[in-house]
Amino acid sequence: MATASFIVEGMSCDGCVSAIKRALAAVDGVQDTDVNLATGEVKIQYDPQRAGTSSLQNAIRGAGYDVS
């Protein structure tokens, strides 16, 4: 397992947190996500053999949020 951490911009409510969690759950290899609304930080545990950081970032962007 590997862990990735990103700062996500544009989250304003619990619905945003849920949308990001759903988007990441759909990525093959993602095991767990922790989304902190107050800080904008998203931590993801994933299998690097099945997912990469670009696919994780693309999932967040696909949910409508900016990620760095």
N, C-alpha and C. Protein backbone atom coordinates (compact mmCIF):
# COMPACT_ATOMS: atom_id res chain seq x y z
N MET A 1 0.83 -1.18 0.00
CA MET A 1 0.00 0.00 0.00
C MET A 1 0.87 1.24 0.00
N ALA A 2 0.34 2.27 -0.62
CA ALA A 2 0.99 3.58 -0.64
C ALA A 2 -0.03 4.62 -0.17
N THR A 3 0.47 5.77 0.23
CA THR A 3 -0.40 6.85 0.66
C THR A 3 -0.08 8.09 -0.14
N ALA A 4 -1.12 8.75 -0.62
CA ALA A 4 -0.97 10.02 -1.33
C ALA A 4 -1.77 11.07 -0.58
N SER A 5 -1.27 12.29 -0.61
CA SER A 5 -1.93 13.40 0.06
C SER A 5 -2.01 14.57 -0.91
N PHE A 6 -3.19 15.14 -1.03
CA PHE A 6 -3.40 16.26 -1.94
C PHE A 6 -4.17 17.36 -1.22
N ILE A 7 -3.99 18.58 -1.69
CA ILE A 7 -4.81 19.71 -1.25
C ILE A 7 -5.87 19.92 -2.32
N VAL A 8 -7.12 19.94 -1.90
CA VAL A 8 -8.25 20.08 -2.82
C VAL A 8 -8.92 21.42 -2.56
N GLU A 9 -9.15 22.16 -3.63
CA GLU A 9 -9.80 23.46 -3.53
C GLU A 9 -11.23 23.36 -4.05
N GLY A 10 -12.12 24.11 -3.40
CA GLY A 10 -13.50 24.16 -3.85
C GLY A 10 -14.47 23.39 -2.98
N MET A 11 -13.97 22.70 -1.95
CA MET A 11 -14.88 21.98 -1.04
C MET A 11 -15.50 22.98 -0.07
N SER A 12 -16.81 22.88 0.11
CA SER A 12 -17.47 23.82 1.02
C SER A 12 -18.47 23.16 1.97
N CYS A 13 -18.73 21.86 1.80
CA CYS A 13 -19.73 21.22 2.65
C CYS A 13 -19.51 19.71 2.70
N ASP A 14 -20.31 19.05 3.51
CA ASP A 14 -20.20 17.60 3.62
C ASP A 14 -20.55 16.89 2.32
N GLY A 15 -21.38 17.51 1.51
CA GLY A 15 -21.70 16.94 0.20
C GLY A 15 -20.47 16.87 -0.69
N CYS A 16 -19.60 17.87 -0.56
CA CYS A 16 -18.35 17.88 -1.32
C CYS A 16 -17.46 16.72 -0.87
N VAL A 17 -17.38 16.52 0.43
CA VAL A 17 -16.59 15.43 0.99
C VAL A 17 -17.09 14.10 0.45
N SER A 18 -18.40 13.92 0.46
CA SER A 18 -18.99 12.68 -0.05
C SER A 18 -18.72 12.48 -1.53
N ALA A 19 -18.79 13.55 -2.30
CA ALA A 19 -18.54 13.45 -3.75
C ALA A 19 -17.11 13.02 -4.02
N ILE A 20 -16.17 13.55 -3.28
CA ILE A 20 -14.76 13.18 -3.47
C ILE A 20 -14.54 11.73 -3.04
N LYS A 21 -15.12 11.33 -1.92
CA LYS A 21 -14.98 9.94 -1.48
C LYS A 21 -15.56 8.96 -2.49
N ARG A 22 -16.73 9.31 -3.06
CA ARG A 22 -17.33 8.44 -4.08
C ARG A 22 -16.46 8.35 -5.32
N ALA A 23 -15.93 9.49 -5.76
CA ALA A 23 -15.09 9.50 -6.96
C ALA A 23 -13.84 8.66 -6.75
N LEU A 24 -13.23 8.77 -5.60
CA LEU A 24 -12.01 7.99 -5.34
C LEU A 24 -12.31 6.52 -5.13
N ALA A 25 -13.45 6.20 -4.53
CA ALA A 25 -13.83 4.80 -4.33
C ALA A 25 -13.99 4.07 -5.65
N ALA A 26 -14.30 4.81 -6.71
CA ALA A 26 -14.49 4.20 -8.02
C ALA A 26 -13.17 3.88 -8.72
N VAL A 27 -12.06 4.37 -8.18
CA VAL A 27 -10.74 4.10 -8.77
C VAL A 27 -10.25 2.75 -8.28
N ASP A 28 -9.93 1.87 -9.21
CA ASP A 28 -9.43 0.55 -8.86
C ASP A 28 -8.14 0.67 -8.06
N GLY A 29 -8.09 0.02 -6.91
CA GLY A 29 -6.89 0.03 -6.10
C GLY A 29 -6.98 0.93 -4.87
N VAL A 30 -7.98 1.80 -4.82
CA VAL A 30 -8.12 2.68 -3.66
C VAL A 30 -8.70 1.88 -2.50
N GLN A 31 -8.02 1.93 -1.36
CA GLN A 31 -8.45 1.17 -0.18
C GLN A 31 -9.17 2.05 0.83
N ASP A 32 -8.69 3.30 1.01
CA ASP A 32 -9.27 4.17 2.04
C ASP A 32 -9.03 5.62 1.68
N THR A 33 -9.97 6.47 2.05
CA THR A 33 -9.80 7.91 1.85
C THR A 33 -10.18 8.64 3.12
N ASP A 34 -9.44 9.71 3.39
CA ASP A 34 -9.74 10.59 4.52
C ASP A 34 -9.77 12.01 3.97
N VAL A 35 -10.94 12.63 4.02
CA VAL A 35 -11.12 13.97 3.47
C VAL A 35 -11.36 14.93 4.64
N ASN A 36 -10.50 15.93 4.77
CA ASN A 36 -10.62 16.92 5.83
C ASN A 36 -11.16 18.21 5.22
N LEU A 37 -12.41 18.50 5.49
CA LEU A 37 -13.06 19.68 4.92
C LEU A 37 -12.39 20.96 5.41
N ALA A 38 -12.00 21.03 6.68
CA ALA A 38 -11.44 22.25 7.25
C ALA A 38 -10.10 22.64 6.62
N THR A 39 -9.26 21.65 6.34
CA THR A 39 -7.94 21.94 5.79
C THR A 39 -7.87 21.77 4.28
N GLY A 40 -8.85 21.08 3.70
CA GLY A 40 -8.84 20.80 2.27
C GLY A 40 -7.93 19.65 1.89
N GLU A 41 -7.43 18.93 2.89
CA GLU A 41 -6.50 17.83 2.61
C GLU A 41 -7.24 16.52 2.40
N VAL A 42 -6.78 15.78 1.39
CA VAL A 42 -7.32 14.45 1.11
C VAL A 42 -6.15 13.47 1.18
N LYS A 43 -6.29 12.46 2.02
CA LYS A 43 -5.29 11.40 2.13
C LYS A 43 -5.91 10.12 1.60
N ILE A 44 -5.14 9.43 0.77
CA ILE A 44 -5.65 8.24 0.09
C ILE A 44 -4.67 7.09 0.27
N GLN A 45 -5.17 5.96 0.72
CA GLN A 45 -4.38 4.73 0.74
C GLN A 45 -4.77 3.93 -0.48
N TYR A 46 -3.77 3.52 -1.25
CA TYR A 46 -4.06 2.82 -2.51
C TYR A 46 -2.96 1.83 -2.84
N ASP A 47 -3.29 0.93 -3.74
CA ASP A 47 -2.34 -0.06 -4.25
C ASP A 47 -1.66 0.54 -5.48
N PRO A 48 -0.36 0.85 -5.39
CA PRO A 48 0.32 1.50 -6.52
C PRO A 48 0.46 0.60 -7.76
N GLN A 49 0.20 -0.68 -7.60
CA GLN A 49 0.21 -1.58 -8.75
C GLN A 49 -1.07 -1.44 -9.57
N ARG A 50 -2.11 -0.88 -8.95
CA ARG A 50 -3.41 -0.78 -9.63
C ARG A 50 -3.84 0.65 -9.89
N ALA A 51 -3.24 1.62 -9.19
CA ALA A 51 -3.62 3.02 -9.38
C ALA A 51 -2.39 3.89 -9.20
N GLY A 52 -2.39 5.02 -9.86
CA GLY A 52 -1.29 5.98 -9.72
C GLY A 52 -1.82 7.32 -9.26
N THR A 53 -0.92 8.20 -8.89
CA THR A 53 -1.37 9.50 -8.39
C THR A 53 -2.13 10.29 -9.44
N SER A 54 -1.78 10.12 -10.71
CA SER A 54 -2.50 10.85 -11.75
C SER A 54 -3.95 10.39 -11.84
N SER A 55 -4.20 9.08 -11.68
CA SER A 55 -5.58 8.60 -11.74
C SER A 55 -6.37 9.09 -10.52
N LEU A 56 -5.71 9.22 -9.37
CA LEU A 56 -6.36 9.74 -8.18
C LEU A 56 -6.73 11.21 -8.37
N GLN A 57 -5.78 11.99 -8.88
CA GLN A 57 -6.04 13.41 -9.14
C GLN A 57 -7.13 13.59 -10.20
N ASN A 58 -7.11 12.76 -11.22
CA ASN A 58 -8.14 12.85 -12.27
C ASN A 58 -9.53 12.55 -11.71
N ALA A 59 -9.62 11.62 -10.78
CA ALA A 59 -10.91 11.30 -10.17
C ALA A 59 -11.44 12.51 -9.39
N ILE A 60 -10.55 13.18 -8.66
CA ILE A 60 -10.96 14.37 -7.91
C ILE A 60 -11.37 15.48 -8.87
N ARG A 61 -10.59 15.68 -9.92
CA ARG A 61 -10.96 16.70 -10.92
C ARG A 61 -12.29 16.35 -11.59
N GLY A 62 -12.49 15.07 -11.86
CA GLY A 62 -13.75 14.63 -12.47
C GLY A 62 -14.96 14.89 -11.60
N ALA A 63 -14.74 14.98 -10.29
CA ALA A 63 -15.83 15.28 -9.37
C ALA A 63 -16.08 16.79 -9.30
N GLY A 64 -15.24 17.57 -9.99
CA GLY A 64 -15.45 19.01 -10.07
C GLY A 64 -14.59 19.87 -9.17
N TYR A 65 -13.46 19.34 -8.71
CA TYR A 65 -12.61 20.08 -7.77
C TYR A 65 -11.21 20.24 -8.31
N ASP A 66 -10.54 21.30 -7.88
CA ASP A 66 -9.14 21.53 -8.24
C ASP A 66 -8.27 20.81 -7.22
N VAL A 67 -7.18 20.23 -7.68
CA VAL A 67 -6.31 19.46 -6.81
C VAL A 67 -4.85 19.79 -7.09
N SER A 68 -4.06 19.84 -6.03
CA SER A 68 -2.62 20.06 -6.20
C SER A 68 -1.84 19.14 -5.29
